[in-house]
PDB file of N, CA and C in Angstrom:
ATOM      1  N   MET A   1       1.677 -56.085 -17.935  1.00  0.00           N
ATOM      2  CA  MET A   1       2.908 -55.486 -18.371  1.00  0.00           C
ATOM      3  C   MET A   1       2.813 -54.858 -19.596  1.00  0.00           C
ATOM      4  N   SER A   2       3.467 -53.642 -19.437  1.00  0.00           N
ATOM      5  CA  SER A   2       3.434 -52.829 -20.620  1.00  0.00           C
ATOM      6  C   SER A   2       4.645 -53.044 -21.570  1.00  0.00           C
ATOM      7  N   ALA A   3       4.306 -52.685 -22.837  1.00  0.00           N
ATOM      8  CA  ALA A   3       5.454 -53.059 -23.947  1.00  0.00           C
ATOM      9  C   ALA A   3       6.232 -51.611 -23.984  1.00  0.00           C
ATOM     10  N   PRO A   4       7.513 -51.948 -24.387  1.00  0.00           N
ATOM     11  CA  PRO A   4       8.574 -50.882 -24.471  1.00  0.00           C
ATOM     12  C   PRO A   4       8.101 -49.837 -25.492  1.00  0.00           C
ATOM     13  N   PRO A   5       8.523 -48.769 -25.184  1.00  0.00           N
ATOM     14  CA  PRO A   5       7.890 -47.489 -26.282  1.00  0.00           C
ATOM     15  C   PRO A   5       8.517 -47.853 -27.621  1.00  0.00           C
ATOM     16  N   ALA A   6       7.717 -47.361 -28.631  1.00  0.00           N
ATOM     17  CA  ALA A   6       8.210 -47.536 -30.018  1.00  0.00           C
ATOM     18  C   ALA A   6       9.481 -46.728 -30.286  1.00  0.00           C
ATOM     19  N   PRO A   7      10.218 -46.921 -31.234  1.00  0.00           N
ATOM     20  CA  PRO A   7      11.358 -46.069 -31.634  1.00  0.00           C
ATOM     21  C   PRO A   7      10.924 -44.797 -31.938  1.00  0.00           C
ATOM     22  N   GLU A   8       9.928 -44.622 -32.717  1.00  0.00           N
ATOM     23  CA  GLU A   8       9.448 -43.147 -33.044  1.00  0.00           C
ATOM     24  C   GLU A   8       8.912 -42.226 -31.725  1.00  0.00           C
ATOM     25  N   GLU A   9       8.330 -43.131 -30.888  1.00  0.00           N
ATOM     26  CA  GLU A   9       7.981 -42.449 -29.509  1.00  0.00           C
ATOM     27  C   GLU A   9       9.178 -42.101 -28.845  1.00  0.00           C
ATOM     28  N   GLU A  10      10.212 -42.898 -28.745  1.00  0.00           N
ATOM     29  CA  GLU A  10      11.285 -42.288 -28.080  1.00  0.00           C
ATOM     30  C   GLU A  10      12.034 -41.388 -28.659  1.00  0.00           C
ATOM     31  N   ALA A  11      12.082 -41.079 -29.932  1.00  0.00           N
ATOM     32  CA  ALA A  11      12.854 -40.114 -30.661  1.00  0.00           C
ATOM     33  C   ALA A  11      12.195 -39.071 -30.467  1.00  0.00           C
ATOM     34  N   VAL A  12      10.793 -38.950 -30.297  1.00  0.00           N
ATOM     35  CA  VAL A  12      10.176 -37.626 -29.823  1.00  0.00           C
ATOM     36  C   VAL A  12      10.242 -37.240 -28.377  1.00  0.00           C
ATOM     37  N   ARG A  13      10.468 -38.197 -27.590  1.00  0.00           N
ATOM     38  CA  ARG A  13      10.259 -38.018 -26.260  1.00  0.00           C
ATOM     39  C   ARG A  13      11.642 -37.374 -25.808  1.00  0.00           C
ATOM     40  N   ALA A  14      12.894 -37.829 -26.218  1.00  0.00           N
ATOM     41  CA  ALA A  14      13.988 -37.600 -25.775  1.00  0.00           C
ATOM     42  C   ALA A  14      14.508 -36.070 -25.864  1.00  0.00           C
ATOM     43  N   PRO A  15      14.168 -35.204 -27.065  1.00  0.00           N
ATOM     44  CA  PRO A  15      14.395 -33.846 -27.132  1.00  0.00           C
ATOM     45  C   PRO A  15      13.492 -32.986 -26.202  1.00  0.00           C
ATOM     46  N   VAL A  16      12.299 -33.559 -25.915  1.00  0.00           N
ATOM     47  CA  VAL A  16      11.428 -32.623 -25.130  1.00  0.00           C
ATOM     48  C   VAL A  16      11.857 -32.854 -23.558  1.00  0.00           C
ATOM     49  N   GLU A  17      12.341 -34.126 -23.234  1.00  0.00           N
ATOM     50  CA  GLU A  17      12.968 -34.245 -21.958  1.00  0.00           C
ATOM     51  C   GLU A  17      14.191 -33.319 -21.772  1.00  0.00           C
ATOM     52  N   ALA A  18      14.985 -33.407 -22.664  1.00  0.00           N
ATOM     53  CA  ALA A  18      16.403 -32.698 -22.831  1.00  0.00           C
ATOM     54  C   ALA A  18      16.139 -31.215 -22.447  1.00  0.00           C
ATOM     55  N   THR A  19      14.844 -30.580 -23.281  1.00  0.00           N
ATOM     56  CA  THR A  19      14.516 -29.291 -23.194  1.00  0.00           C
ATOM     57  C   THR A  19      14.064 -29.149 -21.820  1.00  0.00           C
ATOM     58  N   ALA A  20      13.230 -29.874 -21.186  1.00  0.00           N
ATOM     59  CA  ALA A  20      12.742 -29.691 -19.948  1.00  0.00           C
ATOM     60  C   ALA A  20      13.945 -29.608 -18.833  1.00  0.00           C
ATOM     61  N   ARG A  21      14.879 -30.336 -18.855  1.00  0.00           N
ATOM     62  CA  ARG A  21      15.984 -30.411 -17.932  1.00  0.00           C
ATOM     63  C   ARG A  21      16.843 -29.050 -18.261  1.00  0.00           C
ATOM     64  N   LYS A  22      17.025 -28.470 -19.451  1.00  0.00           N
ATOM     65  CA  LYS A  22      17.911 -27.370 -19.570  1.00  0.00           C
ATOM     66  C   LYS A  22      16.995 -26.024 -18.999  1.00  0.00           C
ATOM     67  N   GLN A  23      15.607 -26.158 -19.052  1.00  0.00           N
ATOM     68  CA  GLN A  23      14.890 -24.860 -18.860  1.00  0.00           C
ATOM     69  C   GLN A  23      15.418 -23.941 -17.377  1.00  0.00           C
ATOM     70  N   PRO A  24      15.470 -24.967 -16.438  1.00  0.00           N
ATOM     71  CA  PRO A  24      16.006 -23.987 -15.107  1.00  0.00           C
ATOM     72  C   PRO A  24      17.077 -23.416 -15.453  1.00  0.00           C
ATOM     73  N   ALA A  25      18.070 -23.850 -16.073  1.00  0.00           N
ATOM     74  CA  ALA A  25      19.328 -23.236 -16.426  1.00  0.00           C
ATOM     75  C   ALA A  25      19.129 -21.875 -17.236  1.00  0.00           C
ATOM     76  N   LEU A  26      18.033 -22.193 -18.037  1.00  0.00           N
ATOM     77  CA  LEU A  26      17.832 -20.984 -18.892  1.00  0.00           C
ATOM     78  C   LEU A  26      17.234 -19.880 -18.282  1.00  0.00           C
ATOM     79  N   VAL A  27      16.307 -20.250 -17.420  1.00  0.00           N
ATOM     80  CA  VAL A  27      15.596 -19.244 -16.444  1.00  0.00           C
ATOM     81  C   VAL A  27      16.664 -18.465 -15.519  1.00  0.00           C
ATOM     82  N   ALA A  28      17.429 -19.246 -15.122  1.00  0.00           N
ATOM     83  CA  ALA A  28      18.579 -18.716 -14.092  1.00  0.00           C
ATOM     84  C   ALA A  28      19.445 -17.864 -14.988  1.00  0.00           C
ATOM     85  N   GLY A  29      19.685 -18.250 -16.098  1.00  0.00           N
ATOM     86  CA  GLY A  29      20.587 -17.138 -17.071  1.00  0.00           C
ATOM     87  C   GLY A  29      19.779 -16.125 -17.390  1.00  0.00           C
ATOM     88  N   LEU A  30      18.720 -16.114 -17.790  1.00  0.00           N
ATOM     89  CA  LEU A  30      17.696 -14.924 -18.120  1.00  0.00           C
ATOM     90  C   LEU A  30      17.540 -14.047 -16.859  1.00  0.00           C
ATOM     91  N   ARG A  31      17.351 -14.665 -15.578  1.00  0.00           N
ATOM     92  CA  ARG A  31      17.254 -13.781 -14.438  1.00  0.00           C
ATOM     93  C   ARG A  31      18.367 -13.076 -14.109  1.00  0.00           C
ATOM     94  N   SER A  32      19.856 -13.556 -14.330  1.00  0.00           N
ATOM     95  CA  SER A  32      20.946 -12.746 -14.155  1.00  0.00           C
ATOM     96  C   SER A  32      21.089 -11.630 -15.149  1.00  0.00           C
ATOM     97  N   LEU A  33      20.260 -11.587 -16.102  1.00  0.00           N
ATOM     98  CA  LEU A  33      20.440 -10.456 -17.166  1.00  0.00           C
ATOM     99  C   LEU A  33      19.423  -9.301 -16.859  1.00  0.00           C
ATOM    100  N   VAL A  34      18.466  -9.543 -15.792  1.00  0.00           N
ATOM    101  CA  VAL A  34      17.415  -8.600 -15.487  1.00  0.00           C
ATOM    102  C   VAL A  34      18.109  -7.452 -14.992  1.00  0.00           C
ATOM    103  N   PRO A  35      18.990  -7.245 -14.002  1.00  0.00           N
ATOM    104  CA  PRO A  35      19.615  -6.256 -13.366  1.00  0.00           C
ATOM    105  C   PRO A  35      20.379  -5.160 -14.559  1.00  0.00           C
ATOM    106  N   TYR A  36      20.809  -5.972 -15.482  1.00  0.00           N
ATOM    107  CA  TYR A  36      21.511  -5.241 -16.690  1.00  0.00           C
ATOM    108  C   TYR A  36      20.504  -4.573 -17.501  1.00  0.00           C
ATOM    109  N   ALA A  37      19.413  -5.106 -17.665  1.00  0.00           N
ATOM    110  CA  ALA A  37      18.275  -4.685 -18.517  1.00  0.00           C
ATOM    111  C   ALA A  37      17.762  -3.501 -17.768  1.00  0.00           C
ATOM    112  N   VAL A  38      17.393  -3.663 -16.440  1.00  0.00           N
ATOM    113  CA  VAL A  38      16.865  -2.535 -15.707  1.00  0.00           C
ATOM    114  C   VAL A  38      17.857  -1.266 -15.894  1.00  0.00           C
ATOM    115  N   ALA A  39      19.266  -1.341 -15.568  1.00  0.00           N
ATOM    116  CA  ALA A  39      20.189  -0.351 -15.871  1.00  0.00           C
ATOM    117  C   ALA A  39      20.089   0.194 -17.117  1.00  0.00           C
ATOM    118  N   PHE A  40      20.102  -0.685 -18.116  1.00  0.00           N
ATOM    119  CA  PHE A  40      19.958  -0.030 -19.550  1.00  0.00           C
ATOM    120  C   PHE A  40      18.759   0.926 -19.796  1.00  0.00           C
ATOM    121  N   VAL A  41      17.469   0.361 -19.190  1.00  0.00           N
ATOM    122  CA  VAL A  41      16.373   1.264 -19.122  1.00  0.00           C
ATOM    123  C   VAL A  41      16.428   2.428 -18.629  1.00  0.00           C
ATOM    124  N   ILE A  42      16.876   2.461 -17.380  1.00  0.00           N
ATOM    125  CA  ILE A  42      17.348   3.607 -16.533  1.00  0.00           C
ATOM    126  C   ILE A  42      18.148   4.488 -17.217  1.00  0.00           C
ATOM    127  N   PHE A  43      19.235   4.022 -17.623  1.00  0.00           N
ATOM    128  CA  PHE A  43      20.276   4.884 -18.226  1.00  0.00           C
ATOM    129  C   PHE A  43      19.820   5.716 -19.598  1.00  0.00           C
ATOM    130  N   VAL A  44      18.870   5.027 -20.448  1.00  0.00           N
ATOM    131  CA  VAL A  44      18.309   5.588 -21.572  1.00  0.00           C
ATOM    132  C   VAL A  44      17.278   6.440 -21.231  1.00  0.00           C
ATOM    133  N   GLY A  45      16.500   6.136 -20.020  1.00  0.00           N
ATOM    134  CA  GLY A  45      15.390   7.282 -19.747  1.00  0.00           C
ATOM    135  C   GLY A  45      16.044   8.488 -19.221  1.00  0.00           C
ATOM    136  N   LEU A  46      17.377   8.485 -18.291  1.00  0.00           N
ATOM    137  CA  LEU A  46      17.977   9.395 -17.779  1.00  0.00           C
ATOM    138  C   LEU A  46      18.645  10.254 -19.123  1.00  0.00           C
ATOM    139  N   GLY A  47      19.091   9.617 -20.157  1.00  0.00           N
ATOM    140  CA  GLY A  47      19.644  10.247 -21.183  1.00  0.00           C
ATOM    141  C   GLY A  47      18.673  10.868 -21.988  1.00  0.00           C
ATOM    142  N   VAL A  48      17.475  10.557 -22.191  1.00  0.00           N
ATOM    143  CA  VAL A  48      16.532  11.033 -22.898  1.00  0.00           C
ATOM    144  C   VAL A  48      16.280  12.479 -22.145  1.00  0.00           C
ATOM    145  N   ALA A  49      16.113  12.422 -20.739  1.00  0.00           N
ATOM    146  CA  ALA A  49      15.578  13.634 -19.862  1.00  0.00           C
ATOM    147  C   ALA A  49      16.629  14.615 -19.908  1.00  0.00           C
ATOM    148  N   ASP A  50      18.038  13.995 -19.927  1.00  0.00           N
ATOM    149  CA  ASP A  50      19.009  15.066 -19.947  1.00  0.00           C
ATOM    150  C   ASP A  50      20.417  14.434 -20.648  1.00  0.00           C
ATOM    151  N   PRO A  51      20.482  14.853 -22.082  1.00  0.00           N
ATOM    152  CA  PRO A  51      21.335  14.215 -22.931  1.00  0.00           C
ATOM    153  C   PRO A  51      22.830  14.368 -22.357  1.00  0.00           C
ATOM    154  N   ARG A  52      23.185  15.230 -21.469  1.00  0.00           N
ATOM    155  CA  ARG A  52      24.553  15.418 -20.908  1.00  0.00           C
ATOM    156  C   ARG A  52      24.656  14.266 -19.993  1.00  0.00           C
ATOM    157  N   PHE A  53      23.878  13.597 -19.547  1.00  0.00           N
ATOM    158  CA  PHE A  53      23.932  12.195 -18.825  1.00  0.00           C
ATOM    159  C   PHE A  53      24.607  11.145 -19.628  1.00  0.00           C
ATOM    160  N   MET A  54      24.264  11.055 -20.862  1.00  0.00           N
ATOM    161  CA  MET A  54      24.623  10.233 -21.896  1.00  0.00           C
ATOM    162  C   MET A  54      26.133  10.376 -22.192  1.00  0.00           C
ATOM    163  N   LEU A  55      26.768  11.551 -22.153  1.00  0.00           N
ATOM    164  CA  LEU A  55      27.884  12.099 -22.619  1.00  0.00           C
ATOM    165  C   LEU A  55      29.026  11.803 -21.755  1.00  0.00           C
ATOM    166  N   ASN A  56      28.717  11.287 -20.525  1.00  0.00           N
ATOM    167  CA  ASN A  56      29.893  11.267 -19.502  1.00  0.00           C
ATOM    168  C   ASN A  56      29.786   9.683 -18.974  1.00  0.00           C
ATOM    169  N   TRP A  57      30.961   9.086 -18.972  1.00  0.00           N
ATOM    170  CA  TRP A  57      30.905   7.566 -18.704  1.00  0.00           C
ATOM    171  C   TRP A  57      30.785   7.312 -17.090  1.00  0.00           C
ATOM    172  N   SER A  58      31.037   8.288 -16.352  1.00  0.00           N
ATOM    173  CA  SER A  58      31.180   7.944 -14.807  1.00  0.00           C
ATOM    174  C   SER A  58      29.797   7.794 -14.229  1.00  0.00           C
ATOM    175  N   PRO A  59      28.676   8.769 -14.677  1.00  0.00           N
ATOM    176  CA  PRO A  59      27.278   8.332 -14.103  1.00  0.00           C
ATOM    177  C   PRO A  59      26.725   6.781 -14.617  1.00  0.00           C
ATOM    178  N   GLY A  60      27.091   6.597 -15.796  1.00  0.00           N
ATOM    179  CA  GLY A  60      26.688   5.209 -16.342  1.00  0.00           C
ATOM    180  C   GLY A  60      27.266   4.256 -15.447  1.00  0.00           C
ATOM    181  N   LEU A  61      28.757   4.299 -15.106  1.00  0.00           N
ATOM    182  CA  LEU A  61      29.207   3.236 -14.290  1.00  0.00           C
ATOM    183  C   LEU A  61      28.664   3.196 -12.972  1.00  0.00           C
ATOM    184  N   VAL A  62      28.244   4.449 -12.396  1.00  0.00           N
ATOM    185  CA  VAL A  62      27.837   4.401 -10.965  1.00  0.00           C
ATOM    186  C   VAL A  62      26.571   3.776 -11.100  1.00  0.00           C
ATOM    187  N   LEU A  63      25.709   4.054 -12.157  1.00  0.00           N
ATOM    188  CA  LEU A  63      24.322   3.421 -12.153  1.00  0.00           C
ATOM    189  C   LEU A  63      24.474   1.924 -12.396  1.00  0.00           C
ATOM    190  N   LEU A  64      25.442   1.568 -13.167  1.00  0.00           N
ATOM    191  CA  LEU A  64      25.529   0.293 -13.571  1.00  0.00           C
ATOM    192  C   LEU A  64      25.950  -0.525 -12.000  1.00  0.00           C
ATOM    193  N   LEU A  65      26.887  -0.044 -11.316  1.00  0.00           N
ATOM    194  CA  LEU A  65      27.256  -0.850 -10.196  1.00  0.00           C
ATOM    195  C   LEU A  65      26.218  -0.697  -9.247  1.00  0.00           C
ATOM    196  N   ALA A  66      25.296   0.351  -9.078  1.00  0.00           N
ATOM    197  CA  ALA A  66      24.331   0.534  -8.142  1.00  0.00           C
ATOM    198  C   ALA A  66      23.305  -0.461  -8.569  1.00  0.00           C
ATOM    199  N   VAL A  67      22.654  -0.502  -9.707  1.00  0.00           N
ATOM    200  CA  VAL A  67      21.584  -1.364  -9.974  1.00  0.00           C
ATOM    201  C   VAL A  67      22.049  -2.894  -9.967  1.00  0.00           C
ATOM    202  N   VAL A  68      23.428  -3.307 -10.524  1.00  0.00           N
ATOM    203  CA  VAL A  68      23.625  -4.618 -10.726  1.00  0.00           C
ATOM    204  C   VAL A  68      24.283  -5.189  -9.479  1.00  0.00           C
ATOM    205  N   TRP A  69      24.894  -4.384  -8.573  1.00  0.00           N
ATOM    206  CA  TRP A  69      25.695  -4.954  -7.438  1.00  0.00           C
ATOM    207  C   TRP A  69      25.129  -4.460  -6.146  1.00  0.00           C
ATOM    208  N   ALA A  70      24.751  -3.028  -6.026  1.00  0.00           N
ATOM    209  CA  ALA A  70      24.581  -2.691  -4.673  1.00  0.00           C
ATOM    210  C   ALA A  70      23.312  -2.829  -4.191  1.00  0.00           C
ATOM    211  N   ILE A  71      22.297  -2.659  -5.226  1.00  0.00           N
ATOM    212  CA  ILE A  71      20.961  -2.815  -4.690  1.00  0.00           C
ATOM    213  C   ILE A  71      20.469  -4.305  -4.598  1.00  0.00           C
ATOM    214  N   PRO A  72      21.017  -5.217  -5.322  1.00  0.00           N
ATOM    215  CA  PRO A  72      20.684  -6.580  -5.236  1.00  0.00           C
ATOM    216  C   PRO A  72      21.213  -6.906  -3.769  1.00  0.00           C
ATOM    217  N   ALA A  73      22.493  -6.542  -3.534  1.00  0.00           N
ATOM    218  CA  ALA A  73      23.191  -6.902  -2.237  1.00  0.00           C
ATOM    219  C   ALA A  73      22.288  -6.399  -0.956  1.00  0.00           C
ATOM    220  N   LEU A  74      22.024  -5.281  -0.968  1.00  0.00           N
ATOM    221  CA  LEU A  74      21.311  -4.727  -0.094  1.00  0.00           C
ATOM    222  C   LEU A  74      19.846  -5.398   0.183  1.00  0.00           C
ATOM    223  N   TRP A  75      19.115  -5.625  -0.996  1.00  0.00           N
ATOM    224  CA  TRP A  75      17.940  -6.398  -0.918  1.00  0.00           C
ATOM    225  C   TRP A  75      18.166  -7.957  -0.233  1.00  0.00           C
ATOM    226  N   ARG A  76      19.076  -8.649  -0.549  1.00  0.00           N
ATOM    227  CA  ARG A  76      19.477  -9.734  -0.012  1.00  0.00           C
ATOM    228  C   ARG A  76      19.640  -9.772   1.657  1.00  0.00           C
ATOM    229  N   ARG A  77      20.347  -8.759   1.933  1.00  0.00           N
ATOM    230  CA  ARG A  77      20.677  -8.436   3.371  1.00  0.00           C
ATOM    231  C   ARG A  77      19.425  -7.983   4.058  1.00  0.00           C
ATOM    232  N   TRP A  78      18.564  -7.320   3.595  1.00  0.00           N
ATOM    233  CA  TRP A  78      17.219  -7.037   4.152  1.00  0.00           C
ATOM    234  C   TRP A  78      16.546  -8.230   4.100  1.00  0.00           C
ATOM    235  N   ARG A  79      16.392  -9.083   3.046  1.00  0.00           N
ATOM    236  CA  ARG A  79      15.515 -10.324   3.116  1.00  0.00           C
ATOM    237  C   ARG A  79      16.100 -11.240   4.144  1.00  0.00           C
ATOM    238  N   ARG A  80      17.385 -11.399   4.378  1.00  0.00           N
ATOM    239  CA  ARG A  80      17.937 -12.394   5.426  1.00  0.00           C
ATOM    240  C   ARG A  80      17.628 -11.764   6.703  1.00  0.00           C
ATOM    241  N   ARG A  81      17.376 -10.540   7.078  1.00  0.00           N
ATOM    242  CA  ARG A  81      16.904 -10.078   8.375  1.00  0.00           C
ATOM    243  C   ARG A  81      15.550 -10.463   8.786  1.00  0.00           C
ATOM    244  N   ARG A  82      14.797 -10.395   7.786  1.00  0.00           N
ATOM    245  CA  ARG A  82      13.101 -10.642   8.053  1.00  0.00           C
ATOM    246  C   ARG A  82      12.913 -12.190   8.522  1.00  0.00           C
TER     247      ARG A  82
END
């Protein structure tokens, strides 16, 4: 029969276990930011290539909707068909 863990050992183990439980939520949260980061990089790249692109808000909105909403929706539909 094993002895119960020492209080010091329990104090160290509790935060580690709590962090391990929170990681999937953290990964899911970061994964939801990826499309926005991709849209940002594309927008800045297009703005460097043609500065007029950065001065108009409508292409930025279209790009954001395409990268964050339309492309993932089409990707999910395509993967469902396979």
